[in-house]
Amino acid sequence: MIPMKEAKPAAKRFYRKRVELFRLIDKIKIWPSRTGVLHGIRSVDKRGDIAIITTHCNETFTVRNSRNSRAARWLRNKWFKSVCPACRVPDWKLEKYASTRFKRHFGSDLSRRAD
């Protein structure tokens, strides 16, 4: 008889709470729309302090790089109503997102490495 492997719980990841929105989006690749639907991000076109986000369902959003915007707060607090069926965000990504913790004085600040 072959023993069944139990699924490991997703590892907790810690990020700083007040990190810039663009760095957070680049890392998580998820966008909460104003209606509360989570979309998967296909591309982010940065133009200074503004970015154009294209999702997998071909919707585009124009966003500003703000730490206390609606989207930044929703991402940090993990508020959403549903997941976009057209974007088909995989379950592993939602589990990874759910296990992510945001703390004020602890975790990665998602700074850019000097190359």
PDB file of N, CA and C in Angstrom:
ATOM      1  N   MET A   1       0.836  -1.166   0.000  1.00  0.00           N
ATOM      2  CA  MET A   1       0.000   0.000   0.000  1.00  0.00           C
ATOM      3  C   MET A   1       0.895   1.249   0.000  1.00  0.00           C
ATOM      4  N   ILE A   2       0.586   2.201  -0.849  1.00  0.00           N
ATOM      5  CA  ILE A   2       1.369   3.420  -0.984  1.00  0.00           C
ATOM      6  C   ILE A   2       0.843   4.451   0.006  1.00  0.00           C
ATOM      7  N   PRO A   3       1.718   4.983   0.869  1.00  0.00           N
ATOM      8  CA  PRO A   3       1.238   5.989   1.825  1.00  0.00           C
ATOM      9  C   PRO A   3       0.916   7.291   1.105  1.00  0.00           C
ATOM     10  N   MET A   4      -0.153   7.919   1.529  1.00  0.00           N
ATOM     11  CA  MET A   4      -0.564   9.202   0.949  1.00  0.00           C
ATOM     12  C   MET A   4       0.247  10.324   1.596  1.00  0.00           C
ATOM     13  N   LYS A   5       0.782  11.199   0.776  1.00  0.00           N
ATOM     14  CA  LYS A   5       1.525  12.344   1.298  1.00  0.00           C
ATOM     15  C   LYS A   5       0.544  13.443   1.657  1.00  0.00           C
ATOM     16  N   GLU A   6       0.723  14.000   2.831  1.00  0.00           N
ATOM     17  CA  GLU A   6      -0.114  15.108   3.245  1.00  0.00           C
ATOM     18  C   GLU A   6       0.454  16.398   2.673  1.00  0.00           C
ATOM     19  N   ALA A   7      -0.441  17.255   2.268  1.00  0.00           N
ATOM     20  CA  ALA A   7      -0.011  18.537   1.720  1.00  0.00           C
ATOM     21  C   ALA A   7       0.537  19.407   2.845  1.00  0.00           C
ATOM     22  N   LYS A   8       1.704  19.973   2.604  1.00  0.00           N
ATOM     23  CA  LYS A   8       2.307  20.853   3.599  1.00  0.00           C
ATOM     24  C   LYS A   8       1.564  22.177   3.614  1.00  0.00           C
ATOM     25  N   PRO A   9       1.413  22.757   4.783  1.00  0.00           N
ATOM     26  CA  PRO A   9       0.810  24.096   4.813  1.00  0.00           C
ATOM     27  C   PRO A   9       1.759  25.096   4.160  1.00  0.00           C
ATOM     28  N   ALA A  10       1.180  26.109   3.557  1.00  0.00           N
ATOM     29  CA  ALA A  10       1.995  27.107   2.862  1.00  0.00           C
ATOM     30  C   ALA A  10       2.888  27.839   3.874  1.00  0.00           C
ATOM     31  N   ALA A  11       4.127  28.064   3.477  1.00  0.00           N
ATOM     32  CA  ALA A  11       5.084  28.754   4.348  1.00  0.00           C
ATOM     33  C   ALA A  11       4.651  30.210   4.514  1.00  0.00           C
ATOM     34  N   LYS A  12       4.824  30.732   5.710  1.00  0.00           N
ATOM     35  CA  LYS A  12       4.473  32.120   5.968  1.00  0.00           C
ATOM     36  C   LYS A  12       5.563  33.026   5.422  1.00  0.00           C
ATOM     37  N   ARG A  13       5.145  34.046   4.722  1.00  0.00           N
ATOM     38  CA  ARG A  13       6.067  35.035   4.195  1.00  0.00           C
ATOM     39  C   ARG A  13       5.747  36.359   4.861  1.00  0.00           C
ATOM     40  N   PHE A  14       6.774  37.097   5.199  1.00  0.00           N
ATOM     41  CA  PHE A  14       6.583  38.364   5.883  1.00  0.00           C
ATOM     42  C   PHE A  14       7.123  39.489   5.014  1.00  0.00           C
ATOM     43  N   TYR A  15       6.292  40.509   4.807  1.00  0.00           N
ATOM     44  CA  TYR A  15       6.686  41.706   4.087  1.00  0.00           C
ATOM     45  C   TYR A  15       6.385  42.904   4.968  1.00  0.00           C
ATOM     46  N   ARG A  16       7.098  43.983   4.727  1.00  0.00           N
ATOM     47  CA  ARG A  16       6.835  45.205   5.468  1.00  0.00           C
ATOM     48  C   ARG A  16       5.462  45.733   5.093  1.00  0.00           C
ATOM     49  N   LYS A  17       4.833  46.371   6.045  1.00  0.00           N
ATOM     50  CA  LYS A  17       3.471  46.833   5.841  1.00  0.00           C
ATOM     51  C   LYS A  17       3.395  48.027   4.910  1.00  0.00           C
ATOM     52  N   ARG A  18       4.340  48.941   5.020  1.00  0.00           N
ATOM     53  CA  ARG A  18       4.271  50.179   4.255  1.00  0.00           C
ATOM     54  C   ARG A  18       5.198  50.152   3.041  1.00  0.00           C
ATOM     55  N   VAL A  19       5.170  49.070   2.292  1.00  0.00           N
ATOM     56  CA  VAL A  19       6.010  48.954   1.103  1.00  0.00           C
ATOM     57  C   VAL A  19       5.279  49.611  -0.072  1.00  0.00           C
ATOM     58  N   GLU A  20       6.031  50.085  -1.059  1.00  0.00           N
ATOM     59  CA  GLU A  20       5.437  50.743  -2.219  1.00  0.00           C
ATOM     60  C   GLU A  20       4.533  49.785  -2.981  1.00  0.00           C
ATOM     61  N   LEU A  21       3.480  50.316  -3.550  1.00  0.00           N
ATOM     62  CA  LEU A  21       2.481  49.491  -4.236  1.00  0.00           C
ATOM     63  C   LEU A  21       3.065  48.759  -5.436  1.00  0.00           C
ATOM     64  N   PHE A  22       3.907  49.425  -6.226  1.00  0.00           N
ATOM     65  CA  PHE A  22       4.457  48.788  -7.421  1.00  0.00           C
ATOM     66  C   PHE A  22       5.349  47.597  -7.069  1.00  0.00           C
ATOM     67  N   ARG A  23       6.139  47.718  -6.012  1.00  0.00           N
ATOM     68  CA  ARG A  23       6.990  46.598  -5.602  1.00  0.00           C
ATOM     69  C   ARG A  23       6.152  45.438  -5.098  1.00  0.00           C
ATOM     70  N   LEU A  24       5.072  45.740  -4.402  1.00  0.00           N
ATOM     71  CA  LEU A  24       4.177  44.700  -3.909  1.00  0.00           C
ATOM     72  C   LEU A  24       3.468  43.993  -5.062  1.00  0.00           C
ATOM     73  N   ILE A  25       3.027  44.746  -6.041  1.00  0.00           N
ATOM     74  CA  ILE A  25       2.363  44.159  -7.208  1.00  0.00           C
ATOM     75  C   ILE A  25       3.337  43.296  -8.005  1.00  0.00           C
ATOM     76  N   ASP A  26       4.570  43.764  -8.168  1.00  0.00           N
ATOM     77  CA  ASP A  26       5.573  42.967  -8.881  1.00  0.00           C
ATOM     78  C   ASP A  26       5.826  41.632  -8.194  1.00  0.00           C
ATOM     79  N   LYS A  27       5.729  41.599  -6.884  1.00  0.00           N
ATOM     80  CA  LYS A  27       5.995  40.389  -6.122  1.00  0.00           C
ATOM     81  C   LYS A  27       4.785  39.454  -6.095  1.00  0.00           C
ATOM     82  N   ILE A  28       3.598  39.992  -5.840  1.00  0.00           N
ATOM     83  CA  ILE A  28       2.415  39.159  -5.631  1.00  0.00           C
ATOM     84  C   ILE A  28       1.727  38.789  -6.949  1.00  0.00           C
ATOM     85  N   LYS A  29       1.726  39.673  -7.933  1.00  0.00           N
ATOM     86  CA  LYS A  29       1.095  39.456  -9.241  1.00  0.00           C
ATOM     87  C   LYS A  29      -0.405  39.222  -9.134  1.00  0.00           C
ATOM     88  N   ILE A  30      -1.049  39.934  -8.201  1.00  0.00           N
ATOM     89  CA  ILE A  30      -2.501  39.882  -8.036  1.00  0.00           C
ATOM     90  C   ILE A  30      -3.000  41.315  -7.898  1.00  0.00           C
ATOM     91  N   TRP A  31      -4.181  41.603  -8.486  1.00  0.00           N
ATOM     92  CA  TRP A  31      -4.753  42.935  -8.403  1.00  0.00           C
ATOM     93  C   TRP A  31      -6.208  42.850  -7.955  1.00  0.00           C
ATOM     94  N   PRO A  32      -6.592  43.575  -6.883  1.00  0.00           N
ATOM     95  CA  PRO A  32      -8.001  43.623  -6.478  1.00  0.00           C
ATOM     96  C   PRO A  32      -8.705  44.792  -7.173  1.00  0.00           C
ATOM     97  N   SER A  33      -9.714  44.500  -7.971  1.00  0.00           N
ATOM     98  CA  SER A  33     -10.440  45.573  -8.640  1.00  0.00           C
ATOM     99  C   SER A  33     -11.363  46.268  -7.655  1.00  0.00           C
ATOM    100  N   ARG A  34     -11.980  47.348  -8.078  1.00  0.00           N
ATOM    101  CA  ARG A  34     -12.855  48.108  -7.183  1.00  0.00           C
ATOM    102  C   ARG A  34     -14.096  47.329  -6.792  1.00  0.00           C
ATOM    103  N   THR A  35     -14.486  46.361  -7.600  1.00  0.00           N
ATOM    104  CA  THR A  35     -15.661  45.552  -7.277  1.00  0.00           C
ATOM    105  C   THR A  35     -15.325  44.406  -6.340  1.00  0.00           C
ATOM    106  N   GLY A  36     -14.047  44.245  -5.987  1.00  0.00           N
ATOM    107  CA  GLY A  36     -13.637  43.211  -5.053  1.00  0.00           C
ATOM    108  C   GLY A  36     -13.227  41.915  -5.713  1.00  0.00           C
ATOM    109  N   VAL A  37     -13.013  41.920  -7.011  1.00  0.00           N
ATOM    110  CA  VAL A  37     -12.618  40.718  -7.745  1.00  0.00           C
ATOM    111  C   VAL A  37     -11.098  40.684  -7.851  1.00  0.00           C
ATOM    112  N   LEU A  38     -10.498  39.540  -7.502  1.00  0.00           N
ATOM    113  CA  LEU A  38      -9.045  39.368  -7.617  1.00  0.00           C
ATOM    114  C   LEU A  38      -8.686  38.947  -9.030  1.00  0.00           C
ATOM    115  N   HIS A  39      -7.767  39.662  -9.644  1.00  0.00           N
ATOM    116  CA  HIS A  39      -7.305  39.365 -10.997  1.00  0.00           C
ATOM    117  C   HIS A  39      -5.841  38.958 -10.968  1.00  0.00           C
ATOM    118  N   GLY A  40      -5.444  38.099 -11.877  1.00  0.00           N
ATOM    119  CA  GLY A  40      -4.042  37.773 -12.073  1.00  0.00           C
ATOM    120  C   GLY A  40      -3.421  38.781 -13.012  1.00  0.00           C
ATOM    121  N   ILE A  41      -2.217  39.228 -12.714  1.00  0.00           N
ATOM    122  CA  ILE A  41      -1.563  40.268 -13.510  1.00  0.00           C
ATOM    123  C   ILE A  41      -0.706  39.636 -14.594  1.00  0.00           C
ATOM    124  N   ARG A  42      -0.913  40.095 -15.818  1.00  0.00           N
ATOM    125  CA  ARG A  42      -0.108  39.649 -16.955  1.00  0.00           C
ATOM    126  C   ARG A  42       1.115  40.540 -17.118  1.00  0.00           C
ATOM    127  N   SER A  43       0.911  41.864 -17.106  1.00  0.00           N
ATOM    128  CA  SER A  43       2.046  42.774 -17.279  1.00  0.00           C
ATOM    129  C   SER A  43       1.793  44.078 -16.539  1.00  0.00           C
ATOM    130  N   VAL A  44       2.893  44.716 -16.174  1.00  0.00           N
ATOM    131  CA  VAL A  44       2.858  46.021 -15.516  1.00  0.00           C
ATOM    132  C   VAL A  44       3.768  46.942 -16.312  1.00  0.00           C
ATOM    133  N   ASP A  45       3.195  47.993 -16.880  1.00  0.00           N
ATOM    134  CA  ASP A  45       3.955  48.970 -17.660  1.00  0.00           C
ATOM    135  C   ASP A  45       4.102  50.232 -16.817  1.00  0.00           C
ATOM    136  N   LYS A  46       5.295  50.436 -16.234  1.00  0.00           N
ATOM    137  CA  LYS A  46       5.532  51.567 -15.335  1.00  0.00           C
ATOM    138  C   LYS A  46       5.975  52.781 -16.136  1.00  0.00           C
ATOM    139  N   ARG A  47       5.341  53.901 -15.816  1.00  0.00           N
ATOM    140  CA  ARG A  47       5.691  55.173 -16.444  1.00  0.00           C
ATOM    141  C   ARG A  47       5.797  56.230 -15.353  1.00  0.00           C
ATOM    142  N   GLY A  48       6.931  56.219 -14.679  1.00  0.00           N
ATOM    143  CA  GLY A  48       7.132  57.153 -13.574  1.00  0.00           C
ATOM    144  C   GLY A  48       6.333  56.726 -12.362  1.00  0.00           C
ATOM    145  N   ASP A  49       5.434  57.598 -11.919  1.00  0.00           N
ATOM    146  CA  ASP A  49       4.630  57.331 -10.733  1.00  0.00           C
ATOM    147  C   ASP A  49       3.293  56.663 -11.074  1.00  0.00           C
ATOM    148  N   ILE A  50       3.075  56.383 -12.362  1.00  0.00           N
ATOM    149  CA  ILE A  50       1.831  55.756 -12.827  1.00  0.00           C
ATOM    150  C   ILE A  50       2.184  54.458 -13.542  1.00  0.00           C
ATOM    151  N   ALA A  51       1.325  53.465 -13.376  1.00  0.00           N
ATOM    152  CA  ALA A  51       1.526  52.183 -14.064  1.00  0.00           C
ATOM    153  C   ALA A  51       0.218  51.751 -14.716  1.00  0.00           C
ATOM    154  N   ILE A  52       0.352  51.060 -15.829  1.00  0.00           N
ATOM    155  CA  ILE A  52      -0.804  50.472 -16.497  1.00  0.00           C
ATOM    156  C   ILE A  52      -0.704  48.966 -16.299  1.00  0.00           C
ATOM    157  N   ILE A  53      -1.684  48.410 -15.614  1.00  0.00           N
ATOM    158  CA  ILE A  53      -1.698  46.988 -15.287  1.00  0.00           C
ATOM    159  C   ILE A  53      -2.631  46.285 -16.254  1.00  0.00           C
ATOM    160  N   THR A  54      -2.138  45.230 -16.883  1.00  0.00           N
ATOM    161  CA  THR A  54      -2.951  44.398 -17.763  1.00  0.00           C
ATOM    162  C   THR A  54      -3.123  43.047 -17.097  1.00  0.00           C
ATOM    163  N   THR A  55      -4.368  42.598 -16.991  1.00  0.00           N
ATOM    164  CA  THR A  55      -4.660  41.332 -16.323  1.00  0.00           C
ATOM    165  C   THR A  55      -4.761  40.216 -17.362  1.00  0.00           C
ATOM    166  N   HIS A  56      -4.905  38.998 -16.887  1.00  0.00           N
ATOM    167  CA  HIS A  56      -5.025  37.851 -17.796  1.00  0.00           C
ATOM    168  C   HIS A  56      -6.350  37.846 -18.546  1.00  0.00           C
ATOM    169  N   CYS A  57      -7.351  38.579 -18.041  1.00  0.00           N
ATOM    170  CA  CYS A  57      -8.634  38.669 -18.743  1.00  0.00           C
ATOM    171  C   CYS A  57      -8.697  39.923 -19.627  1.00  0.00           C
ATOM    172  N   ASN A  58      -7.532  40.504 -19.928  1.00  0.00           N
ATOM    173  CA  ASN A  58      -7.358  41.648 -20.821  1.00  0.00           C
ATOM    174  C   ASN A  58      -8.029  42.932 -20.325  1.00  0.00           C
ATOM    175  N   GLU A  59      -8.198  43.080 -19.035  1.00  0.00           N
ATOM    176  CA  GLU A  59      -8.636  44.356 -18.473  1.00  0.00           C
ATOM    177  C   GLU A  59      -7.393  45.174 -18.169  1.00  0.00           C
ATOM    178  N   THR A  60      -7.520  46.488 -18.298  1.00  0.00           N
ATOM    179  CA  THR A  60      -6.396  47.353 -17.972  1.00  0.00           C
ATOM    180  C   THR A  60      -6.821  48.315 -16.866  1.00  0.00           C
ATOM    181  N   PHE A  61      -5.883  48.573 -15.958  1.00  0.00           N
ATOM    182  CA  PHE A  61      -6.103  49.488 -14.849  1.00  0.00           C
ATOM    183  C   PHE A  61      -4.955  50.477 -14.837  1.00  0.00           C
ATOM    184  N   THR A  62      -5.258  51.747 -14.651  1.00  0.00           N
ATOM    185  CA  THR A  62      -4.242  52.776 -14.483  1.00  0.00           C
ATOM    186  C   THR A  62      -4.163  53.078 -12.997  1.00  0.00           C
ATOM    187  N   VAL A  63      -2.972  52.902 -12.417  1.00  0.00           N
ATOM    188  CA  VAL A  63      -2.825  53.065 -10.975  1.00  0.00           C
ATOM    189  C   VAL A  63      -1.644  53.977 -10.666  1.00  0.00           C
ATOM    190  N   ARG A  64      -1.723  54.624  -9.491  1.00  0.00           N
ATOM    191  CA  ARG A  64      -0.631  55.450  -8.994  1.00  0.00           C
ATOM    192  C   ARG A  64       0.110  54.690  -7.916  1.00  0.00           C
ATOM    193  N   ASN A  65       1.380  55.019  -7.732  1.00  0.00           N
ATOM    194  CA  ASN A  65       2.213  54.354  -6.743  1.00  0.00           C
ATOM    195  C   ASN A  65       1.962  54.988  -5.380  1.00  0.00           C
ATOM    196  N   SER A  66       0.982  54.440  -4.659  1.00  0.00           N
ATOM    197  CA  SER A  66       0.602  54.990  -3.368  1.00  0.00           C
ATOM    198  C   SER A  66       0.620  53.892  -2.318  1.00  0.00           C
ATOM    199  N   ARG A  67       1.145  54.213  -1.140  1.00  0.00           N
ATOM    200  CA  ARG A  67       1.212  53.212  -0.075  1.00  0.00           C
ATOM    201  C   ARG A  67      -0.114  53.046   0.647  1.00  0.00           C
ATOM    202  N   ASN A  68      -0.940  54.078   0.651  1.00  0.00           N
ATOM    203  CA  ASN A  68      -2.204  53.969   1.375  1.00  0.00           C
ATOM    204  C   ASN A  68      -3.411  54.105   0.457  1.00  0.00           C
ATOM    205  N   SER A  69      -3.290  53.609  -0.760  1.00  0.00           N
ATOM    206  CA  SER A  69      -4.416  53.601  -1.688  1.00  0.00           C
ATOM    207  C   SER A  69      -5.362  52.455  -1.339  1.00  0.00           C
ATOM    208  N   ARG A  70      -6.512  52.454  -1.961  1.00  0.00           N
ATOM    209  CA  ARG A  70      -7.481  51.400  -1.744  1.00  0.00           C
ATOM    210  C   ARG A  70      -6.893  50.041  -2.074  1.00  0.00           C
ATOM    211  N   ALA A  71      -6.231  49.932  -3.215  1.00  0.00           N
ATOM    212  CA  ALA A  71      -5.674  48.644  -3.641  1.00  0.00           C
ATOM    213  C   ALA A  71      -4.578  48.165  -2.696  1.00  0.00           C
ATOM    214  N   ALA A  72      -3.725  49.074  -2.240  1.00  0.00           N
ATOM    215  CA  ALA A  72      -2.653  48.689  -1.319  1.00  0.00           C
ATOM    216  C   ALA A  72      -3.234  48.187  -0.003  1.00  0.00           C
ATOM    217  N   ARG A  73      -4.258  48.862   0.495  1.00  0.00           N
ATOM    218  CA  ARG A  73      -4.895  48.418   1.739  1.00  0.00           C
ATOM    219  C   ARG A  73      -5.584  47.066   1.551  1.00  0.00           C
ATOM    220  N   TRP A  74      -6.258  46.883   0.423  1.00  0.00           N
ATOM    221  CA  TRP A  74      -6.949  45.618   0.167  1.00  0.00           C
ATOM    222  C   TRP A  74      -5.951  44.474   0.030  1.00  0.00           C
ATOM    223  N   LEU A  75      -4.800  44.732  -0.592  1.00  0.00           N
ATOM    224  CA  LEU A  75      -3.785  43.681  -0.716  1.00  0.00           C
ATOM    225  C   LEU A  75      -3.196  43.319   0.642  1.00  0.00           C
ATOM    226  N   ARG A  76      -2.887  44.334   1.465  1.00  0.00           N
ATOM    227  CA  ARG A  76      -2.316  44.063   2.782  1.00  0.00           C
ATOM    228  C   ARG A  76      -3.292  43.334   3.697  1.00  0.00           C
ATOM    229  N   ASN A  77      -4.565  43.707   3.634  1.00  0.00           N
ATOM    230  CA  ASN A  77      -5.565  43.113   4.524  1.00  0.00           C
ATOM    231  C   ASN A  77      -6.243  41.885   3.930  1.00  0.00           C
ATOM    232  N   LYS A  78      -5.882  41.554   2.684  1.00  0.00           N
ATOM    233  CA  LYS A  78      -6.418  40.393   1.973  1.00  0.00           C
ATOM    234  C   LYS A  78      -7.936  40.435   1.849  1.00  0.00           C
ATOM    235  N   TRP A  79      -8.471  41.612   1.502  1.00  0.00           N
ATOM    236  CA  TRP A  79      -9.902  41.768   1.305  1.00  0.00           C
ATOM    237  C   TRP A  79     -10.220  41.542  -0.164  1.00  0.00           C
ATOM    238  N   PHE A  80     -11.124  40.642  -0.456  1.00  0.00           N
ATOM    239  CA  PHE A  80     -11.653  40.471  -1.801  1.00  0.00           C
ATOM    240  C   PHE A  80     -12.958  39.701  -1.698  1.00  0.00           C
ATOM    241  N   LYS A  81     -13.807  39.836  -2.705  1.00  0.00           N
ATOM    242  CA  LYS A  81     -15.103  39.174  -2.704  1.00  0.00           C
ATOM    243  C   LYS A  81     -15.063  37.865  -3.473  1.00  0.00           C
ATOM    244  N   SER A  82     -14.361  37.853  -4.604  1.00  0.00           N
ATOM    245  CA  SER A  82     -14.293  36.648  -5.427  1.00  0.00           C
ATOM    246  C   SER A  82     -13.038  36.699  -6.287  1.00  0.00           C
ATOM    247  N   VAL A  83     -12.813  35.618  -7.005  1.00  0.00           N
ATOM    248  CA  VAL A  83     -11.673  35.522  -7.911  1.00  0.00           C
ATOM    249  C   VAL A  83     -12.211  35.535  -9.330  1.00  0.00           C
ATOM    250  N   CYS A  84     -11.540  36.234 -10.213  1.00  0.00           N
ATOM    251  CA  CYS A  84     -11.970  36.350 -11.609  1.00  0.00           C
ATOM    252  C   CYS A  84     -11.913  34.981 -12.287  1.00  0.00           C
ATOM    253  N   PRO A  85     -13.023  34.511 -12.841  1.00  0.00           N
ATOM    254  CA  PRO A  85     -13.000  33.206 -13.506  1.00  0.00           C
ATOM    255  C   PRO A  85     -12.208  33.231 -14.810  1.00  0.00           C
ATOM    256  N   ALA A  86     -12.128  34.383 -15.466  1.00  0.00           N
ATOM    257  CA  ALA A  86     -11.393  34.476 -16.728  1.00  0.00           C
ATOM    258  C   ALA A  86      -9.881  34.482 -16.507  1.00  0.00           C
ATOM    259  N   CYS A  87      -9.428  35.032 -15.381  1.00  0.00           N
ATOM    260  CA  CYS A  87      -7.987  35.080 -15.089  1.00  0.00           C
ATOM    261  C   CYS A  87      -7.461  33.722 -14.640  1.00  0.00           C
ATOM    262  N   ARG A  88      -8.309  32.908 -14.067  1.00  0.00           N
ATOM    263  CA  ARG A  88      -7.951  31.570 -13.585  1.00  0.00           C
ATOM    264  C   ARG A  88      -6.717  31.606 -12.687  1.00  0.00           C
ATOM    265  N   VAL A  89      -6.820  32.356 -11.607  1.00  0.00           N
ATOM    266  CA  VAL A  89      -5.738  32.413 -10.619  1.00  0.00           C
ATOM    267  C   VAL A  89      -5.644  31.039  -9.967  1.00  0.00           C
ATOM    268  N   PRO A  90      -4.472  30.393 -10.007  1.00  0.00           N
ATOM    269  CA  PRO A  90      -4.357  29.037  -9.456  1.00  0.00           C
ATOM    270  C   PRO A  90      -4.511  29.002  -7.941  1.00  0.00           C
ATOM    271  N   ASP A  91      -4.934  27.850  -7.432  1.00  0.00           N
ATOM    272  CA  ASP A  91      -5.157  27.689  -5.996  1.00  0.00           C
ATOM    273  C   ASP A  91      -3.878  27.871  -5.194  1.00  0.00           C
ATOM    274  N   TRP A  92      -2.734  27.419  -5.745  1.00  0.00           N
ATOM    275  CA  TRP A  92      -1.481  27.553  -4.997  1.00  0.00           C
ATOM    276  C   TRP A  92      -1.129  29.017  -4.784  1.00  0.00           C
ATOM    277  N   LYS A  93      -1.471  29.878  -5.766  1.00  0.00           N
ATOM    278  CA  LYS A  93      -1.172  31.302  -5.619  1.00  0.00           C
ATOM    279  C   LYS A  93      -2.071  31.923  -4.551  1.00  0.00           C
ATOM    280  N   LEU A  94      -3.332  31.500  -4.491  1.00  0.00           N
ATOM    281  CA  LEU A  94      -4.233  32.014  -3.463  1.00  0.00           C
ATOM    282  C   LEU A  94      -3.805  31.552  -2.075  1.00  0.00           C
ATOM    283  N   GLU A  95      -3.321  30.311  -1.964  1.00  0.00           N
ATOM    284  CA  GLU A  95      -2.829  29.817  -0.679  1.00  0.00           C
ATOM    285  C   GLU A  95      -1.574  30.575  -0.251  1.00  0.00           C
ATOM    286  N   LYS A  96      -0.698  30.831  -1.199  1.00  0.00           N
ATOM    287  CA  LYS A  96       0.523  31.580  -0.912  1.00  0.00           C
ATOM    288  C   LYS A  96       0.181  33.007  -0.487  1.00  0.00           C
ATOM    289  N   TYR A  97      -0.784  33.609  -1.148  1.00  0.00           N
ATOM    290  CA  TYR A  97      -1.233  34.960  -0.811  1.00  0.00           C
ATOM    291  C   TYR A  97      -1.887  34.975   0.564  1.00  0.00           C
ATOM    292  N   ALA A  98      -2.663  33.946   0.877  1.00  0.00           N
ATOM    293  CA  ALA A  98      -3.339  33.879   2.176  1.00  0.00           C
ATOM    294  C   ALA A  98      -2.352  33.690   3.324  1.00  0.00           C
ATOM    295  N   SER A  99      -1.215  33.044   3.061  1.00  0.00           N
ATOM    296  CA  SER A  99      -0.237  32.805   4.123  1.00  0.00           C
ATOM    297  C   SER A  99       0.748  33.967   4.289  1.00  0.00           C
ATOM    298  N   THR A 100       0.660  34.976   3.434  1.00  0.00           N
ATOM    299  CA  THR A 100       1.548  36.124   3.507  1.00  0.00           C
ATOM    300  C   THR A 100       1.115  37.040   4.649  1.00  0.00           C
ATOM    301  N   ARG A 101       2.075  37.491   5.434  1.00  0.00           N
ATOM    302  CA  ARG A 101       1.810  38.374   6.570  1.00  0.00           C
ATOM    303  C   ARG A 101       2.518  39.711   6.335  1.00  0.00           C
ATOM    304  N   PHE A 102       1.856  40.772   6.736  1.00  0.00           N
ATOM    305  CA  PHE A 102       2.421  42.109   6.621  1.00  0.00           C
ATOM    306  C   PHE A 102       2.600  42.663   8.022  1.00  0.00           C
ATOM    307  N   LYS A 103       3.860  42.977   8.379  1.00  0.00           N
ATOM    308  CA  LYS A 103       4.151  43.534   9.700  1.00  0.00           C
ATOM    309  C   LYS A 103       4.891  44.854   9.515  1.00  0.00           C
ATOM    310  N   ARG A 104       4.752  45.702  10.492  1.00  0.00           N
ATOM    311  CA  ARG A 104       5.321  47.034  10.385  1.00  0.00           C
ATOM    312  C   ARG A 104       6.834  47.052  10.498  1.00  0.00           C
ATOM    313  N   HIS A 105       7.392  46.317  11.451  1.00  0.00           N
ATOM    314  CA  HIS A 105       8.840  46.384  11.690  1.00  0.00           C
ATOM    315  C   HIS A 105       9.549  45.069  11.382  1.00  0.00           C
ATOM    316  N   PHE A 106       8.923  44.194  10.612  1.00  0.00           N
ATOM    317  CA  PHE A 106       9.524  42.890  10.363  1.00  0.00           C
ATOM    318  C   PHE A 106       9.210  42.452   8.944  1.00  0.00           C
ATOM    319  N   GLY A 107      10.180  41.835   8.300  1.00  0.00           N
ATOM    320  CA  GLY A 107       9.966  41.273   6.977  1.00  0.00           C
ATOM    321  C   GLY A 107      10.729  42.016   5.909  1.00  0.00           C
ATOM    322  N   SER A 108      10.613  41.496   4.692  1.00  0.00           N
ATOM    323  CA  SER A 108      11.309  42.068   3.553  1.00  0.00           C
ATOM    324  C   SER A 108      10.655  43.388   3.148  1.00  0.00           C
ATOM    325  N   ASP A 109      11.480  44.372   2.827  1.00  0.00           N
ATOM    326  CA  ASP A 109      10.915  45.644   2.348  1.00  0.00           C
ATOM    327  C   ASP A 109      10.880  45.662   0.831  1.00  0.00           C
ATOM    328  N   LEU A 110      11.176  44.523   0.202  1.00  0.00           N
ATOM    329  CA  LEU A 110      11.130  44.362  -1.254  1.00  0.00           C
ATOM    330  C   LEU A 110      11.995  45.381  -1.964  1.00  0.00           C
ATOM    331  N   SER A 111      13.135  45.709  -1.366  1.00  0.00           N
ATOM    332  CA  SER A 111      14.043  46.674  -1.984  1.00  0.00           C
ATOM    333  C   SER A 111      14.718  46.047  -3.180  1.00  0.00           C
ATOM    334  N   ARG A 112      15.107  46.876  -4.078  1.00  0.00           N
ATOM    335  CA  ARG A 112      15.778  46.394  -5.277  1.00  0.00           C
ATOM    336  C   ARG A 112      17.238  46.089  -4.962  1.00  0.00           C
ATOM    337  N   ARG A 113      17.701  44.969  -5.478  1.00  0.00           N
ATOM    338  CA  ARG A 113      19.104  44.591  -5.255  1.00  0.00           C
ATOM    339  C   ARG A 113      20.003  45.376  -6.210  1.00  0.00           C
ATOM    340  N   ALA A 114      21.169  45.699  -5.730  1.00  0.00           N
ATOM    341  CA  ALA A 114      22.149  46.373  -6.578  1.00  0.00           C
ATOM    342  C   ALA A 114      22.796  45.334  -7.488  1.00  0.00           C
ATOM    343  N   ASP A 115      22.571  45.443  -8.800  1.00  0.00           N
ATOM    344  CA  ASP A 115      23.129  44.483  -9.765  1.00  0.00           C
ATOM    345  C   ASP A 115      24.386  44.992 -10.381  1.00  0.00           C
TER     346      ASP A 115
END
